[in-house]
Amino acid sequence: MPNILLVEDNEMNRDMLSRRLTRKGFFVIVAEDGQKGIDLAIEQQPDLILMDLSLPVVDGWEATRQLKAMDTTKHIPIIVLTAHAMASDEAEAYQAGCDDFDTKPIVLERLLEKMNAALER
């Protein structure tokens, strides 16, 4: 059972996605802000991180940069989940170090394909 860290500040989005992923066989750890996401990634060493970009405390771009800069977490794939759907937002997310990018509202089948591809790498 892969461990997934979901970093999402919106309670409704966090609850909905964590329940759906749990039903698909994932163990989901949640963080409500970017700093908690960084701390949990270091502590829990998840198999994959789903990172919102618009987060309190530390935004998702900076959290991704920090995680990809650390030897202990740089190997963890990060898929950005965001309502920021412009090409410039996607480019900035890749520059920060994310491994993939998906837009909200979440289409579960599309996200699962991206998650499975990242987990297989």
PDB file of N, CA and C in Angstrom:
ATOM      1  N   MET A   1       0.849  -1.176   0.000  1.00  0.00           N
ATOM      2  CA  MET A   1       0.000   0.000   0.000  1.00  0.00           C
ATOM      3  C   MET A   1       0.897   1.243   0.000  1.00  0.00           C
ATOM      4  N   PRO A   2       0.894   2.006  -1.100  1.00  0.00           N
ATOM      5  CA  PRO A   2       1.725   3.210  -1.158  1.00  0.00           C
ATOM      6  C   PRO A   2       1.252   4.286  -0.171  1.00  0.00           C
ATOM      7  N   ASN A   3       2.232   4.959   0.438  1.00  0.00           N
ATOM      8  CA  ASN A   3       1.951   6.082   1.336  1.00  0.00           C
ATOM      9  C   ASN A   3       1.958   7.370   0.528  1.00  0.00           C
ATOM     10  N   ILE A   4       0.867   8.126   0.630  1.00  0.00           N
ATOM     11  CA  ILE A   4       0.709   9.371  -0.100  1.00  0.00           C
ATOM     12  C   ILE A   4       0.593  10.512   0.903  1.00  0.00           C
ATOM     13  N   LEU A   5       1.378  11.565   0.704  1.00  0.00           N
ATOM     14  CA  LEU A   5       1.237  12.780   1.501  1.00  0.00           C
ATOM     15  C   LEU A   5       0.430  13.770   0.679  1.00  0.00           C
ATOM     16  N   LEU A   6      -0.725  14.144   1.191  1.00  0.00           N
ATOM     17  CA  LEU A   6      -1.601  15.120   0.545  1.00  0.00           C
ATOM     18  C   LEU A   6      -1.455  16.442   1.282  1.00  0.00           C
ATOM     19  N   VAL A   7      -0.912  17.448   0.594  1.00  0.00           N
ATOM     20  CA  VAL A   7      -0.722  18.770   1.184  1.00  0.00           C
ATOM     21  C   VAL A   7      -1.775  19.686   0.557  1.00  0.00           C
ATOM     22  N   GLU A   8      -2.818  19.971   1.315  1.00  0.00           N
ATOM     23  CA  GLU A   8      -3.990  20.702   0.808  1.00  0.00           C
ATOM     24  C   GLU A   8      -4.616  21.481   1.955  1.00  0.00           C
ATOM     25  N   ASP A   9      -4.827  22.775   1.762  1.00  0.00           N
ATOM     26  CA  ASP A   9      -5.382  23.593   2.843  1.00  0.00           C
ATOM     27  C   ASP A   9      -6.906  23.614   2.860  1.00  0.00           C
ATOM     28  N   ASN A  10      -7.549  23.293   1.749  1.00  0.00           N
ATOM     29  CA  ASN A  10      -9.002  23.307   1.695  1.00  0.00           C
ATOM     30  C   ASN A  10      -9.546  22.010   2.289  1.00  0.00           C
ATOM     31  N   GLU A  11     -10.264  22.141   3.405  1.00  0.00           N
ATOM     32  CA  GLU A  11     -10.730  20.962   4.133  1.00  0.00           C
ATOM     33  C   GLU A  11     -11.615  20.056   3.284  1.00  0.00           C
ATOM     34  N   MET A  12     -12.513  20.640   2.510  1.00  0.00           N
ATOM     35  CA  MET A  12     -13.401  19.833   1.682  1.00  0.00           C
ATOM     36  C   MET A  12     -12.605  19.061   0.626  1.00  0.00           C
ATOM     37  N   ASN A  13     -11.671  19.715  -0.048  1.00  0.00           N
ATOM     38  CA  ASN A  13     -10.834  19.037  -1.042  1.00  0.00           C
ATOM     39  C   ASN A  13      -9.987  17.949  -0.394  1.00  0.00           C
ATOM     40  N   ARG A  14      -9.417  18.268   0.758  1.00  0.00           N
ATOM     41  CA  ARG A  14      -8.559  17.320   1.478  1.00  0.00           C
ATOM     42  C   ARG A  14      -9.345  16.076   1.874  1.00  0.00           C
ATOM     43  N   ASP A  15     -10.527  16.266   2.451  1.00  0.00           N
ATOM     44  CA  ASP A  15     -11.334  15.132   2.889  1.00  0.00           C
ATOM     45  C   ASP A  15     -11.807  14.287   1.718  1.00  0.00           C
ATOM     46  N   MET A  16     -12.304  14.950   0.670  1.00  0.00           N
ATOM     47  CA  MET A  16     -12.811  14.224  -0.495  1.00  0.00           C
ATOM     48  C   MET A  16     -11.714  13.399  -1.155  1.00  0.00           C
ATOM     49  N   LEU A  17     -10.572  14.015  -1.404  1.00  0.00           N
ATOM     50  CA  LEU A  17      -9.506  13.303  -2.100  1.00  0.00           C
ATOM     51  C   LEU A  17      -8.898  12.216  -1.227  1.00  0.00           C
ATOM     52  N   SER A  18      -8.708  12.480   0.055  1.00  0.00           N
ATOM     53  CA  SER A  18      -8.120  11.450   0.919  1.00  0.00           C
ATOM     54  C   SER A  18      -9.047  10.236   1.026  1.00  0.00           C
ATOM     55  N   ARG A  19     -10.348  10.449   1.095  1.00  0.00           N
ATOM     56  CA  ARG A  19     -11.296   9.316   1.136  1.00  0.00           C
ATOM     57  C   ARG A  19     -11.255   8.516  -0.167  1.00  0.00           C
ATOM     58  N   ARG A  20     -11.237   9.215  -1.290  1.00  0.00           N
ATOM     59  CA  ARG A  20     -11.225   8.529  -2.586  1.00  0.00           C
ATOM     60  C   ARG A  20      -9.925   7.735  -2.781  1.00  0.00           C
ATOM     61  N   LEU A  21      -8.808   8.306  -2.371  1.00  0.00           N
ATOM     62  CA  LEU A  21      -7.533   7.602  -2.502  1.00  0.00           C
ATOM     63  C   LEU A  21      -7.451   6.408  -1.555  1.00  0.00           C
ATOM     64  N   THR A  22      -7.982   6.563  -0.360  1.00  0.00           N
ATOM     65  CA  THR A  22      -8.002   5.448   0.595  1.00  0.00           C
ATOM     66  C   THR A  22      -8.796   4.279   0.021  1.00  0.00           C
ATOM     67  N   ARG A  23      -9.935   4.580  -0.594  1.00  0.00           N
ATOM     68  CA  ARG A  23     -10.745   3.524  -1.219  1.00  0.00           C
ATOM     69  C   ARG A  23     -10.009   2.837  -2.359  1.00  0.00           C
ATOM     70  N   LYS A  24      -9.063   3.527  -2.980  1.00  0.00           N
ATOM     71  CA  LYS A  24      -8.270   2.948  -4.076  1.00  0.00           C
ATOM     72  C   LYS A  24      -7.037   2.207  -3.566  1.00  0.00           C
ATOM     73  N   GLY A  25      -6.877   2.129  -2.243  1.00  0.00           N
ATOM     74  CA  GLY A  25      -5.799   1.329  -1.683  1.00  0.00           C
ATOM     75  C   GLY A  25      -4.561   2.087  -1.247  1.00  0.00           C
ATOM     76  N   PHE A  26      -4.643   3.406  -1.173  1.00  0.00           N
ATOM     77  CA  PHE A  26      -3.505   4.197  -0.718  1.00  0.00           C
ATOM     78  C   PHE A  26      -3.657   4.530   0.762  1.00  0.00           C
ATOM     79  N   PHE A  27      -2.539   4.656   1.449  1.00  0.00           N
ATOM     80  CA  PHE A  27      -2.519   5.170   2.813  1.00  0.00           C
ATOM     81  C   PHE A  27      -2.218   6.657   2.695  1.00  0.00           C
ATOM     82  N   VAL A  28      -3.115   7.504   3.189  1.00  0.00           N
ATOM     83  CA  VAL A  28      -3.000   8.942   2.976  1.00  0.00           C
ATOM     84  C   VAL A  28      -2.671   9.665   4.281  1.00  0.00           C
ATOM     85  N   ILE A  29      -1.610  10.456   4.225  1.00  0.00           N
ATOM     86  CA  ILE A  29      -1.204  11.348   5.304  1.00  0.00           C
ATOM     87  C   ILE A  29      -1.579  12.753   4.830  1.00  0.00           C
ATOM     88  N   VAL A  30      -2.112  13.594   5.711  1.00  0.00           N
ATOM     89  CA  VAL A  30      -2.525  14.928   5.276  1.00  0.00           C
ATOM     90  C   VAL A  30      -1.797  16.028   6.031  1.00  0.00           C
ATOM     91  N   ALA A  31      -1.570  17.121   5.306  1.00  0.00           N
ATOM     92  CA  ALA A  31      -0.992  18.328   5.885  1.00  0.00           C
ATOM     93  C   ALA A  31      -1.811  19.502   5.371  1.00  0.00           C
ATOM     94  N   GLU A  32      -2.070  20.468   6.260  1.00  0.00           N
ATOM     95  CA  GLU A  32      -2.929  21.606   5.926  1.00  0.00           C
ATOM     96  C   GLU A  32      -2.158  22.816   5.414  1.00  0.00           C
ATOM     97  N   ASP A  33      -0.839  22.802   5.514  1.00  0.00           N
ATOM     98  CA  ASP A  33      -0.052  23.923   5.007  1.00  0.00           C
ATOM     99  C   ASP A  33       1.303  23.410   4.533  1.00  0.00           C
ATOM    100  N   GLY A  34       2.018  24.272   3.822  1.00  0.00           N
ATOM    101  CA  GLY A  34       3.279  23.856   3.232  1.00  0.00           C
ATOM    102  C   GLY A  34       4.345  23.463   4.234  1.00  0.00           C
ATOM    103  N   GLN A  35       4.430  24.163   5.365  1.00  0.00           N
ATOM    104  CA  GLN A  35       5.444  23.808   6.359  1.00  0.00           C
ATOM    105  C   GLN A  35       5.166  22.438   6.967  1.00  0.00           C
ATOM    106  N   LYS A  36       3.893  22.169   7.274  1.00  0.00           N
ATOM    107  CA  LYS A  36       3.549  20.832   7.792  1.00  0.00           C
ATOM    108  C   LYS A  36       3.825  19.770   6.738  1.00  0.00           C
ATOM    109  N   GLY A  37       3.602  20.114   5.472  1.00  0.00           N
ATOM    110  CA  GLY A  37       3.915  19.179   4.390  1.00  0.00           C
ATOM    111  C   GLY A  37       5.398  18.845   4.346  1.00  0.00           C
ATOM    112  N   ILE A  38       6.240  19.866   4.474  1.00  0.00           N
ATOM    113  CA  ILE A  38       7.693  19.647   4.497  1.00  0.00           C
ATOM    114  C   ILE A  38       8.062  18.765   5.684  1.00  0.00           C
ATOM    115  N   ASP A  39       7.557  19.124   6.857  1.00  0.00           N
ATOM    116  CA  ASP A  39       7.886  18.371   8.077  1.00  0.00           C
ATOM    117  C   ASP A  39       7.453  16.912   7.976  1.00  0.00           C
ATOM    118  N   LEU A  40       6.227  16.672   7.475  1.00  0.00           N
ATOM    119  CA  LEU A  40       5.732  15.298   7.354  1.00  0.00           C
ATOM    120  C   LEU A  40       6.484  14.516   6.277  1.00  0.00           C
ATOM    121  N   ALA A  41       6.890  15.182   5.206  1.00  0.00           N
ATOM    122  CA  ALA A  41       7.665  14.501   4.167  1.00  0.00           C
ATOM    123  C   ALA A  41       8.995  14.011   4.730  1.00  0.00           C
ATOM    124  N   ILE A  42       9.644  14.841   5.517  1.00  0.00           N
ATOM    125  CA  ILE A  42      10.915  14.459   6.136  1.00  0.00           C
ATOM    126  C   ILE A  42      10.704  13.308   7.116  1.00  0.00           C
ATOM    127  N   GLU A  43       9.683  13.436   7.943  1.00  0.00           N
ATOM    128  CA  GLU A  43       9.412  12.456   9.001  1.00  0.00           C
ATOM    129  C   GLU A  43       8.872  11.131   8.469  1.00  0.00           C
ATOM    130  N   GLN A  44       7.913  11.191   7.554  1.00  0.00           N
ATOM    131  CA  GLN A  44       7.200   9.990   7.114  1.00  0.00           C
ATOM    132  C   GLN A  44       7.780   9.341   5.854  1.00  0.00           C
ATOM    133  N   GLN A  45       8.561  10.081   5.067  1.00  0.00           N
ATOM    134  CA  GLN A  45       9.126   9.573   3.815  1.00  0.00           C
ATOM    135  C   GLN A  45       8.060   8.885   2.950  1.00  0.00           C
ATOM    136  N   PRO A  46       7.047   9.638   2.521  1.00  0.00           N
ATOM    137  CA  PRO A  46       5.983   9.036   1.718  1.00  0.00           C
ATOM    138  C   PRO A  46       6.507   8.584   0.351  1.00  0.00           C
ATOM    139  N   ASP A  47       5.744   7.739  -0.308  1.00  0.00           N
ATOM    140  CA  ASP A  47       6.108   7.272  -1.639  1.00  0.00           C
ATOM    141  C   ASP A  47       5.829   8.331  -2.705  1.00  0.00           C
ATOM    142  N   LEU A  48       4.892   9.254  -2.401  1.00  0.00           N
ATOM    143  CA  LEU A  48       4.469  10.273  -3.352  1.00  0.00           C
ATOM    144  C   LEU A  48       3.854  11.437  -2.590  1.00  0.00           C
ATOM    145  N   ILE A  49       4.027  12.645  -3.115  1.00  0.00           N
ATOM    146  CA  ILE A  49       3.421  13.835  -2.511  1.00  0.00           C
ATOM    147  C   ILE A  49       2.489  14.478  -3.529  1.00  0.00           C
ATOM    148  N   LEU A  50       1.266  14.782  -3.085  1.00  0.00           N
ATOM    149  CA  LEU A  50       0.319  15.573  -3.864  1.00  0.00           C
ATOM    150  C   LEU A  50       0.316  16.954  -3.228  1.00  0.00           C
ATOM    151  N   MET A  51       0.759  17.968  -3.981  1.00  0.00           N
ATOM    152  CA  MET A  51       1.029  19.292  -3.418  1.00  0.00           C
ATOM    153  C   MET A  51       0.146  20.358  -4.057  1.00  0.00           C
ATOM    154  N   ASP A  52      -0.693  20.991  -3.237  1.00  0.00           N
ATOM    155  CA  ASP A  52      -1.412  22.178  -3.687  1.00  0.00           C
ATOM    156  C   ASP A  52      -0.391  23.315  -3.778  1.00  0.00           C
ATOM    157  N   LEU A  53      -0.661  24.310  -4.605  1.00  0.00           N
ATOM    158  CA  LEU A  53       0.258  25.446  -4.713  1.00  0.00           C
ATOM    159  C   LEU A  53      -0.115  26.596  -3.800  1.00  0.00           C
ATOM    160  N   SER A  54      -1.399  26.883  -3.674  1.00  0.00           N
ATOM    161  CA  SER A  54      -1.856  28.013  -2.843  1.00  0.00           C
ATOM    162  C   SER A  54      -2.064  27.535  -1.415  1.00  0.00           C
ATOM    163  N   LEU A  55      -0.987  27.576  -0.652  1.00  0.00           N
ATOM    164  CA  LEU A  55      -0.999  27.070   0.723  1.00  0.00           C
ATOM    165  C   LEU A  55      -0.593  28.175   1.691  1.00  0.00           C
ATOM    166  N   PRO A  56      -1.117  28.115   2.914  1.00  0.00           N
ATOM    167  CA  PRO A  56      -0.645  29.048   3.942  1.00  0.00           C
ATOM    168  C   PRO A  56       0.731  28.639   4.473  1.00  0.00           C
ATOM    169  N   VAL A  57       1.346  29.518   5.188  1.00  0.00           N
ATOM    170  CA  VAL A  57       2.647  29.380   5.861  1.00  0.00           C
ATOM    171  C   VAL A  57       3.776  29.308   4.831  1.00  0.00           C
ATOM    172  N   VAL A  58       3.859  28.230   4.073  1.00  0.00           N
ATOM    173  CA  VAL A  58       4.819  28.090   2.974  1.00  0.00           C
ATOM    174  C   VAL A  58       4.008  27.638   1.767  1.00  0.00           C
ATOM    175  N   ASP A  59       4.088  28.383   0.652  1.00  0.00           N
ATOM    176  CA  ASP A  59       3.283  27.980  -0.507  1.00  0.00           C
ATOM    177  C   ASP A  59       3.856  26.720  -1.158  1.00  0.00           C
ATOM    178  N   GLY A  60       3.084  26.130  -2.047  1.00  0.00           N
ATOM    179  CA  GLY A  60       3.462  24.860  -2.659  1.00  0.00           C
ATOM    180  C   GLY A  60       4.695  24.936  -3.531  1.00  0.00           C
ATOM    181  N   TRP A  61       4.906  26.089  -4.195  1.00  0.00           N
ATOM    182  CA  TRP A  61       6.110  26.249  -5.002  1.00  0.00           C
ATOM    183  C   TRP A  61       7.347  26.172  -4.104  1.00  0.00           C
ATOM    184  N   GLU A  62       7.339  26.925  -3.001  1.00  0.00           N
ATOM    185  CA  GLU A  62       8.494  26.943  -2.102  1.00  0.00           C
ATOM    186  C   GLU A  62       8.654  25.609  -1.384  1.00  0.00           C
ATOM    187  N   ALA A  63       7.562  24.991  -0.967  1.00  0.00           N
ATOM    188  CA  ALA A  63       7.650  23.679  -0.316  1.00  0.00           C
ATOM    189  C   ALA A  63       8.280  22.660  -1.267  1.00  0.00           C
ATOM    190  N   THR A  64       7.878  22.700  -2.531  1.00  0.00           N
ATOM    191  CA  THR A  64       8.458  21.789  -3.532  1.00  0.00           C
ATOM    192  C   THR A  64       9.945  22.064  -3.700  1.00  0.00           C
ATOM    193  N   ARG A  65      10.324  23.339  -3.819  1.00  0.00           N
ATOM    194  CA  ARG A  65      11.748  23.687  -3.952  1.00  0.00           C
ATOM    195  C   ARG A  65      12.557  23.147  -2.766  1.00  0.00           C
ATOM    196  N   GLN A  66      12.036  23.351  -1.555  1.00  0.00           N
ATOM    197  CA  GLN A  66      12.763  22.902  -0.370  1.00  0.00           C
ATOM    198  C   GLN A  66      12.891  21.380  -0.334  1.00  0.00           C
ATOM    199  N   LEU A  67      11.804  20.673  -0.650  1.00  0.00           N
ATOM    200  CA  LEU A  67      11.845  19.209  -0.621  1.00  0.00           C
ATOM    201  C   LEU A  67      12.790  18.646  -1.673  1.00  0.00           C
ATOM    202  N   LYS A  68      12.811  19.262  -2.852  1.00  0.00           N
ATOM    203  CA  LYS A  68      13.690  18.780  -3.919  1.00  0.00           C
ATOM    204  C   LYS A  68      15.152  19.157  -3.678  1.00  0.00           C
ATOM    205  N   ALA A  69      15.397  20.096  -2.767  1.00  0.00           N
ATOM    206  CA  ALA A  69      16.769  20.497  -2.446  1.00  0.00           C
ATOM    207  C   ALA A  69      17.387  19.628  -1.350  1.00  0.00           C
ATOM    208  N   MET A  70      16.581  18.873  -0.629  1.00  0.00           N
ATOM    209  CA  MET A  70      17.089  18.051   0.476  1.00  0.00           C
ATOM    210  C   MET A  70      17.412  16.638   0.013  1.00  0.00           C
ATOM    211  N   ASP A  71      18.571  16.144   0.414  1.00  0.00           N
ATOM    212  CA  ASP A  71      18.952  14.779   0.049  1.00  0.00           C
ATOM    213  C   ASP A  71      17.954  13.744   0.551  1.00  0.00           C
ATOM    214  N   THR A  72      17.348  14.009   1.696  1.00  0.00           N
ATOM    215  CA  THR A  72      16.431  13.022   2.291  1.00  0.00           C
ATOM    216  C   THR A  72      15.061  12.967   1.625  1.00  0.00           C
ATOM    217  N   THR A  73      14.713  13.990   0.822  1.00  0.00           N
ATOM    218  CA  THR A  73      13.374  14.014   0.218  1.00  0.00           C
ATOM    219  C   THR A  73      13.373  14.242  -1.294  1.00  0.00           C
ATOM    220  N   LYS A  74      14.526  14.524  -1.891  1.00  0.00           N
ATOM    221  CA  LYS A  74      14.536  14.871  -3.315  1.00  0.00           C
ATOM    222  C   LYS A  74      14.072  13.731  -4.214  1.00  0.00           C
ATOM    223  N   HIS A  75      14.138  12.503  -3.737  1.00  0.00           N
ATOM    224  CA  HIS A  75      13.727  11.341  -4.532  1.00  0.00           C
ATOM    225  C   HIS A  75      12.210  11.140  -4.557  1.00  0.00           C
ATOM    226  N   ILE A  76      11.481  11.801  -3.670  1.00  0.00           N
ATOM    227  CA  ILE A  76      10.032  11.601  -3.571  1.00  0.00           C
ATOM    228  C   ILE A  76       9.349  12.348  -4.715  1.00  0.00           C
ATOM    229  N   PRO A  77       8.582  11.641  -5.549  1.00  0.00           N
ATOM    230  CA  PRO A  77       7.872  12.338  -6.624  1.00  0.00           C
ATOM    231  C   PRO A  77       6.813  13.283  -6.065  1.00  0.00           C
ATOM    232  N   ILE A  78       6.699  14.446  -6.679  1.00  0.00           N
ATOM    233  CA  ILE A  78       5.707  15.447  -6.279  1.00  0.00           C
ATOM    234  C   ILE A  78       4.823  15.763  -7.477  1.00  0.00           C
ATOM    235  N   ILE A  79       3.525  15.572  -7.290  1.00  0.00           N
ATOM    236  CA  ILE A  79       2.543  15.967  -8.295  1.00  0.00           C
ATOM    237  C   ILE A  79       1.814  17.182  -7.750  1.00  0.00           C
ATOM    238  N   VAL A  80       1.885  18.272  -8.498  1.00  0.00           N
ATOM    239  CA  VAL A  80       1.202  19.497  -8.105  1.00  0.00           C
ATOM    240  C   VAL A  80      -0.269  19.386  -8.491  1.00  0.00           C
ATOM    241  N   LEU A  81      -1.142  19.763  -7.559  1.00  0.00           N
ATOM    242  CA  LEU A  81      -2.582  19.833  -7.794  1.00  0.00           C
ATOM    243  C   LEU A  81      -2.993  21.279  -7.584  1.00  0.00           C
ATOM    244  N   THR A  82      -3.552  21.903  -8.609  1.00  0.00           N
ATOM    245  CA  THR A  82      -3.834  23.322  -8.462  1.00  0.00           C
ATOM    246  C   THR A  82      -4.963  23.806  -9.347  1.00  0.00           C
ATOM    247  N   ALA A  83      -5.605  24.859  -8.903  1.00  0.00           N
ATOM    248  CA  ALA A  83      -6.585  25.556  -9.726  1.00  0.00           C
ATOM    249  C   ALA A  83      -5.887  26.555 -10.646  1.00  0.00           C
ATOM    250  N   HIS A  84      -4.590  26.777 -10.445  1.00  0.00           N
ATOM    251  CA  HIS A  84      -3.794  27.654 -11.301  1.00  0.00           C
ATOM    252  C   HIS A  84      -3.512  26.905 -12.604  1.00  0.00           C
ATOM    253  N   ALA A  85      -4.338  27.107 -13.601  1.00  0.00           N
ATOM    254  CA  ALA A  85      -4.281  26.281 -14.807  1.00  0.00           C
ATOM    255  C   ALA A  85      -3.563  26.933 -15.978  1.00  0.00           C
ATOM    256  N   MET A  86      -2.949  28.074 -15.770  1.00  0.00           N
ATOM    257  CA  MET A  86      -2.259  28.746 -16.871  1.00  0.00           C
ATOM    258  C   MET A  86      -0.913  28.067 -17.149  1.00  0.00           C
ATOM    259  N   ALA A  87      -0.465  28.160 -18.386  1.00  0.00           N
ATOM    260  CA  ALA A  87       0.807  27.549 -18.776  1.00  0.00           C
ATOM    261  C   ALA A  87       1.964  28.080 -17.936  1.00  0.00           C
ATOM    262  N   SER A  88       1.904  29.369 -17.564  1.00  0.00           N
ATOM    263  CA  SER A  88       2.981  29.940 -16.752  1.00  0.00           C
ATOM    264  C   SER A  88       3.012  29.310 -15.355  1.00  0.00           C
ATOM    265  N   ASP A  89       1.836  28.971 -14.807  1.00  0.00           N
ATOM    266  CA  ASP A  89       1.788  28.307 -13.502  1.00  0.00           C
ATOM    267  C   ASP A  89       2.408  26.912 -13.592  1.00  0.00           C
ATOM    268  N   GLU A  90       2.081  26.218 -14.671  1.00  0.00           N
ATOM    269  CA  GLU A  90       2.651  24.883 -14.877  1.00  0.00           C
ATOM    270  C   GLU A  90       4.163  24.969 -15.028  1.00  0.00           C
ATOM    271  N   ALA A  91       4.635  25.917 -15.815  1.00  0.00           N
ATOM    272  CA  ALA A  91       6.075  26.082 -16.010  1.00  0.00           C
ATOM    273  C   ALA A  91       6.773  26.404 -14.696  1.00  0.00           C
ATOM    274  N   GLU A  92       6.168  27.270 -13.891  1.00  0.00           N
ATOM    275  CA  GLU A  92       6.761  27.620 -12.598  1.00  0.00           C
ATOM    276  C   GLU A  92       6.801  26.413 -11.664  1.00  0.00           C
ATOM    277  N   ALA A  93       5.755  25.581 -11.707  1.00  0.00           N
ATOM    278  CA  ALA A  93       5.732  24.378 -10.869  1.00  0.00           C
ATOM    279  C   ALA A  93       6.853  23.419 -11.270  1.00  0.00           C
ATOM    280  N   TYR A  94       7.064  23.241 -12.580  1.00  0.00           N
ATOM    281  CA  TYR A  94       8.164  22.375 -13.033  1.00  0.00           C
ATOM    282  C   TYR A  94       9.519  22.976 -12.666  1.00  0.00           C
ATOM    283  N   GLN A  95       9.649  24.294 -12.759  1.00  0.00           N
ATOM    284  CA  GLN A  95      10.899  24.946 -12.354  1.00  0.00           C
ATOM    285  C   GLN A  95      11.175  24.734 -10.871  1.00  0.00           C
ATOM    286  N   ALA A  96      10.122  24.674 -10.069  1.00  0.00           N
ATOM    287  CA  ALA A  96      10.280  24.441  -8.630  1.00  0.00           C
ATOM    288  C   ALA A  96      10.712  23.008  -8.342  1.00  0.00           C
ATOM    289  N   GLY A  97      10.502  22.116  -9.313  1.00  0.00           N
ATOM    290  CA  GLY A  97      10.970  20.740  -9.147  1.00  0.00           C
ATOM    291  C   GLY A  97       9.894  19.674  -9.141  1.00  0.00           C
ATOM    292  N   CYS A  98       8.650  20.035  -9.402  1.00  0.00           N
ATOM    293  CA  CYS A  98       7.608  19.004  -9.374  1.00  0.00           C
ATOM    294  C   CYS A  98       7.847  17.995 -10.490  1.00  0.00           C
ATOM    295  N   ASP A  99       7.327  16.798 -10.299  1.00  0.00           N
ATOM    296  CA  ASP A  99       7.485  15.721 -11.276  1.00  0.00           C
ATOM    297  C   ASP A  99       6.314  15.644 -12.245  1.00  0.00           C
ATOM    298  N   ASP A 100       5.164  16.167 -11.831  1.00  0.00           N
ATOM    299  CA  ASP A 100       3.988  16.198 -12.705  1.00  0.00           C
ATOM    300  C   ASP A 100       3.051  17.280 -12.198  1.00  0.00           C
ATOM    301  N   PHE A 101       2.019  17.559 -12.984  1.00  0.00           N
ATOM    302  CA  PHE A 101       1.139  18.704 -12.750  1.00  0.00           C
ATOM    303  C   PHE A 101      -0.275  18.277 -13.111  1.00  0.00           C
ATOM    304  N   ASP A 102      -1.241  18.577 -12.254  1.00  0.00           N
ATOM    305  CA  ASP A 102      -2.635  18.278 -12.566  1.00  0.00           C
ATOM    306  C   ASP A 102      -3.493  19.422 -12.059  1.00  0.00           C
ATOM    307  N   THR A 103      -4.572  19.694 -12.771  1.00  0.00           N
ATOM    308  CA  THR A 103      -5.433  20.820 -12.431  1.00  0.00           C
ATOM    309  C   THR A 103      -6.677  20.378 -11.680  1.00  0.00           C
ATOM    310  N   LYS A 104      -7.201  21.307 -10.915  1.00  0.00           N
ATOM    311  CA  LYS A 104      -8.470  21.117 -10.217  1.00  0.00           C
ATOM    312  C   LYS A 104      -9.566  21.703 -11.086  1.00  0.00           C
ATOM    313  N   PRO A 105     -10.763  21.191 -11.043  1.00  0.00           N
ATOM    314  CA  PRO A 105     -11.190  20.096 -10.182  1.00  0.00           C
ATOM    315  C   PRO A 105     -10.522  18.781 -10.591  1.00  0.00           C
ATOM    316  N   ILE A 106     -10.286  17.957  -9.591  1.00  0.00           N
ATOM    317  CA  ILE A 106      -9.588  16.688  -9.786  1.00  0.00           C
ATOM    318  C   ILE A 106     -10.451  15.728 -10.589  1.00  0.00           C
ATOM    319  N   VAL A 107      -9.846  15.150 -11.620  1.00  0.00           N
ATOM    320  CA  VAL A 107     -10.443  14.028 -12.343  1.00  0.00           C
ATOM    321  C   VAL A 107      -9.679  12.806 -11.837  1.00  0.00           C
ATOM    322  N   LEU A 108     -10.322  11.992 -11.002  1.00  0.00           N
ATOM    323  CA  LEU A 108      -9.617  10.933 -10.278  1.00  0.00           C
ATOM    324  C   LEU A 108      -8.887   9.972 -11.214  1.00  0.00           C
ATOM    325  N   GLU A 109      -9.502   9.559 -12.286  1.00  0.00           N
ATOM    326  CA  GLU A 109      -8.857   8.599 -13.186  1.00  0.00           C
ATOM    327  C   GLU A 109      -7.567   9.171 -13.766  1.00  0.00           C
ATOM    328  N   ARG A 110      -7.602  10.441 -14.164  1.00  0.00           N
ATOM    329  CA  ARG A 110      -6.408  11.098 -14.713  1.00  0.00           C
ATOM    330  C   ARG A 110      -5.324  11.208 -13.645  1.00  0.00           C
ATOM    331  N   LEU A 111      -5.713  11.593 -12.434  1.00  0.00           N
ATOM    332  CA  LEU A 111      -4.746  11.707 -11.349  1.00  0.00           C
ATOM    333  C   LEU A 111      -4.140  10.351 -11.011  1.00  0.00           C
ATOM    334  N   LEU A 112      -4.960   9.312 -10.955  1.00  0.00           N
ATOM    335  CA  LEU A 112      -4.442   7.975 -10.646  1.00  0.00           C
ATOM    336  C   LEU A 112      -3.427   7.514 -11.686  1.00  0.00           C
ATOM    337  N   GLU A 113      -3.659   7.833 -12.956  1.00  0.00           N
ATOM    338  CA  GLU A 113      -2.687   7.487 -13.997  1.00  0.00           C
ATOM    339  C   GLU A 113      -1.356   8.179 -13.728  1.00  0.00           C
ATOM    340  N   LYS A 114      -1.408   9.452 -13.382  1.00  0.00           N
ATOM    341  CA  LYS A 114      -0.182  10.201 -13.094  1.00  0.00           C
ATOM    342  C   LYS A 114       0.504   9.658 -11.841  1.00  0.00           C
ATOM    343  N   MET A 115      -0.275   9.330 -10.830  1.00  0.00           N
ATOM    344  CA  MET A 115       0.282   8.795  -9.591  1.00  0.00           C
ATOM    345  C   MET A 115       0.953   7.459  -9.844  1.00  0.00           C
ATOM    346  N   ASN A 116       0.289   6.566 -10.570  1.00  0.00           N
ATOM    347  CA  ASN A 116       0.860   5.246 -10.849  1.00  0.00           C
ATOM    348  C   ASN A 116       2.119   5.361 -11.680  1.00  0.00           C
ATOM    349  N   ALA A 117       2.142   6.272 -12.644  1.00  0.00           N
ATOM    350  CA  ALA A 117       3.355   6.469 -13.455  1.00  0.00           C
ATOM    351  C   ALA A 117       4.495   6.965 -12.583  1.00  0.00           C
ATOM    352  N   ALA A 118       4.216   7.901 -11.688  1.00  0.00           N
ATOM    353  CA  ALA A 118       5.265   8.430 -10.799  1.00  0.00           C
ATOM    354  C   ALA A 118       5.765   7.365  -9.834  1.00  0.00           C
ATOM    355  N   LEU A 119       4.872   6.538  -9.338  1.00  0.00           N
ATOM    356  CA  LEU A 119       5.258   5.488  -8.395  1.00  0.00           C
ATOM    357  C   LEU A 119       6.089   4.385  -9.084  1.00  0.00           C
ATOM    358  N   GLU A 120       5.872   4.186 -10.370  1.00  0.00           N
ATOM    359  CA  GLU A 120       6.619   3.151 -11.100  1.00  0.00           C
ATOM    360  C   GLU A 120       8.034   3.590 -11.446  1.00  0.00           C
ATOM    361  N   ARG A 121       8.268   4.908 -11.500  1.00  0.00           N
ATOM    362  CA  ARG A 121       9.610   5.400 -11.859  1.00  0.00           C
ATOM    363  C   ARG A 121      10.625   5.111 -10.791  1.00  0.00           C
TER     364      ARG A 121
END
